């Protein structure tokens, strides 16, 4: 599904869908719908990858002490994205000064991101269903 906010976004979504359909020489099944109200996920769903790094999480929780402020933190979101595998390790060097982390946590984050081979890639893990 693609959700749009306003007629301009709707027109762009429809145009893109039509271009893809022409390229595929067939229909595109993606629905294009108006966006409705947005509901923020529960706190335990927020910043999944950051929550896997307790030392970093503790620092961010000291800066953003409530679940709402942590969920709304751009710095925590950026670090969560890097931890999830988005962005090159070298890119974070330009952002480190603005994250509010201690020198120790900055070092740990940089080291962890340098060991990117440990990650399976972007996306939250999905529990495996038991075989029937």
Protein backbone atom coordinates (compact mmCIF):
# COMPACT_ATOMS: atom_id res chain seq x y z
CA UNK A 1 0.00 0.00 0.00
CA UNK A 2 1.02 3.57 -0.67
CA UNK A 3 -0.57 6.25 1.49
CA UNK A 4 -0.78 9.84 0.30
CA UNK A 5 -1.31 13.20 1.99
CA UNK A 6 -2.97 15.46 -0.54
CA UNK A 7 -3.70 15.53 -4.23
CA UNK A 8 -0.10 16.15 -5.32
CA UNK A 9 1.16 13.00 -3.60
CA UNK A 10 -1.81 11.03 -4.96
CA UNK A 11 -1.04 12.18 -8.51
CA UNK A 12 2.64 11.26 -8.13
CA UNK A 13 1.77 7.84 -6.73
CA UNK A 14 -0.67 7.13 -9.57
CA UNK A 15 1.84 8.32 -12.17
CA UNK A 16 4.57 6.11 -10.72
CA UNK A 17 2.22 3.12 -10.55
CA UNK A 18 1.27 3.63 -14.19
CA UNK A 19 4.94 3.90 -15.24
CA UNK A 20 5.78 0.66 -13.43
CA UNK A 21 2.75 -1.07 -14.97
CA UNK A 22 3.86 0.02 -18.45
CA UNK A 23 7.38 -1.26 -17.81
CA UNK A 24 6.03 -4.58 -16.47
CA UNK A 25 3.42 -4.77 -19.24
CA UNK A 26 0.78 -5.63 -16.67
CA UNK A 27 -1.19 -4.31 -13.76
CA UNK A 28 0.36 -3.26 -10.45
CA UNK A 29 -1.53 -4.53 -7.42
CA UNK A 30 -0.27 -1.86 -5.01
CA UNK A 31 -3.17 0.05 -3.48
CA UNK A 32 -2.94 3.84 -3.35
CA UNK A 33 -4.98 5.15 -0.43
CA UNK A 34 -5.43 8.36 1.56
CA UNK A 35 -3.41 8.44 4.76
CA UNK A 36 -5.45 8.19 7.92
CA UNK A 37 -4.56 8.93 11.51
CA UNK A 38 -1.09 7.80 12.57
CA UNK A 39 -0.68 5.82 15.77
CA UNK A 40 2.76 5.62 17.32
CA UNK A 41 3.77 2.08 18.28
CA UNK A 42 4.19 1.09 21.91
CA UNK A 43 7.47 2.06 23.58
CA UNK A 44 8.91 -1.44 23.47
CA UNK A 45 8.65 -1.36 19.67
CA UNK A 46 10.60 1.89 19.41
CA UNK A 47 14.33 1.98 18.56
CA UNK A 48 14.65 -1.81 18.24
CA UNK A 49 18.34 -1.89 17.33
CA UNK A 50 19.26 0.72 19.92
CA UNK A 51 17.57 -1.47 22.54
CA UNK A 52 19.97 -4.28 21.62
CA UNK A 53 22.87 -2.08 22.80
CA UNK A 54 22.21 -1.53 26.54
CA UNK A 55 25.12 0.88 27.11
CA UNK A 56 24.01 3.17 24.29
CA UNK A 57 20.37 2.88 25.33
CA UNK A 58 21.22 3.86 28.91
CA UNK A 59 22.93 7.03 27.68
CA UNK A 60 20.03 7.97 25.45
CA UNK A 61 17.54 7.28 28.26
CA UNK A 62 19.51 9.69 30.47
CA UNK A 63 19.14 12.38 27.79
CA UNK A 64 15.55 11.43 26.85
CA UNK A 65 14.05 10.08 30.12
CA UNK A 66 10.51 9.25 28.97
CA UNK A 67 9.45 6.75 26.30
CA UNK A 68 7.86 9.62 24.37
CA UNK A 69 11.00 11.75 24.32
CA UNK A 70 13.17 8.76 23.37
CA UNK A 71 10.76 7.82 20.55
CA UNK A 72 10.85 11.42 19.29
CA UNK A 73 14.62 11.80 19.46
CA UNK A 74 16.27 12.40 16.10
CA UNK A 75 19.67 11.43 17.55
CA UNK A 76 18.33 8.10 18.84
CA UNK A 77 16.61 7.49 15.50
CA UNK A 78 19.84 8.17 13.59
CA UNK A 79 21.84 5.77 15.78
CA UNK A 80 19.09 3.14 15.55
CA UNK A 81 19.26 3.40 11.76
CA UNK A 82 23.03 3.02 11.71
CA UNK A 83 22.79 0.02 14.04
CA UNK A 84 20.18 -1.51 11.69
CA UNK A 85 22.61 -1.30 8.80
CA UNK A 86 21.47 1.90 7.13
CA UNK A 87 24.29 4.26 6.20
CA UNK A 88 28.01 3.67 5.89
CA UNK A 89 30.14 3.51 9.05
CA UNK A 90 32.16 6.46 7.77
CA UNK A 91 28.99 8.58 7.52
CA UNK A 92 28.41 8.59 11.26
CA UNK A 93 31.74 10.34 11.80
CA UNK A 94 30.13 13.54 10.53
CA UNK A 95 27.25 13.15 13.02
CA UNK A 96 28.99 11.99 16.20
CA UNK A 97 29.40 15.47 17.67
CA UNK A 98 25.66 16.13 17.58
CA UNK A 99 24.46 12.89 19.17
CA UNK A 100 25.15 13.78 22.80
CA UNK A 101 27.08 10.58 23.54
CA UNK A 102 30.02 10.19 25.89
CA UNK A 103 33.48 9.59 24.38
CA UNK A 104 33.26 5.94 25.50
CA UNK A 105 29.91 5.39 23.78
CA UNK A 106 31.10 7.21 20.67
CA UNK A 107 34.07 4.84 20.51
CA UNK A 108 31.88 1.76 21.07
CA UNK A 109 29.41 2.85 18.42
CA UNK A 110 32.17 3.50 15.90
CA UNK A 111 33.77 0.12 16.64
CA UNK A 112 30.45 -1.69 16.40
CA UNK A 113 29.61 -0.08 13.09
CA UNK A 114 33.07 -0.97 11.78
CA UNK A 115 32.23 -4.62 12.44
CA UNK A 116 29.25 -4.43 10.08
CA UNK A 117 29.69 -8.04 9.03
CA UNK A 118 27.99 -9.06 12.27
CA UNK A 119 24.63 -7.76 11.09
CA UNK A 120 22.24 -9.62 8.89
CA UNK A 121 21.04 -6.39 7.27
CA UNK A 122 18.20 -3.93 7.60
CA UNK A 123 14.86 -4.83 9.05
CA UNK A 124 13.57 -6.17 12.30
CA UNK A 125 13.79 -9.93 12.69
CA UNK A 126 10.53 -11.77 12.18
CA UNK A 127 9.88 -14.74 14.46
CA UNK A 128 9.78 -18.01 12.58
CA UNK A 129 6.42 -19.77 12.52
CA UNK A 130 6.44 -23.34 13.79
CA UNK A 131 6.14 -25.97 11.11
CA UNK A 132 2.65 -27.41 10.74
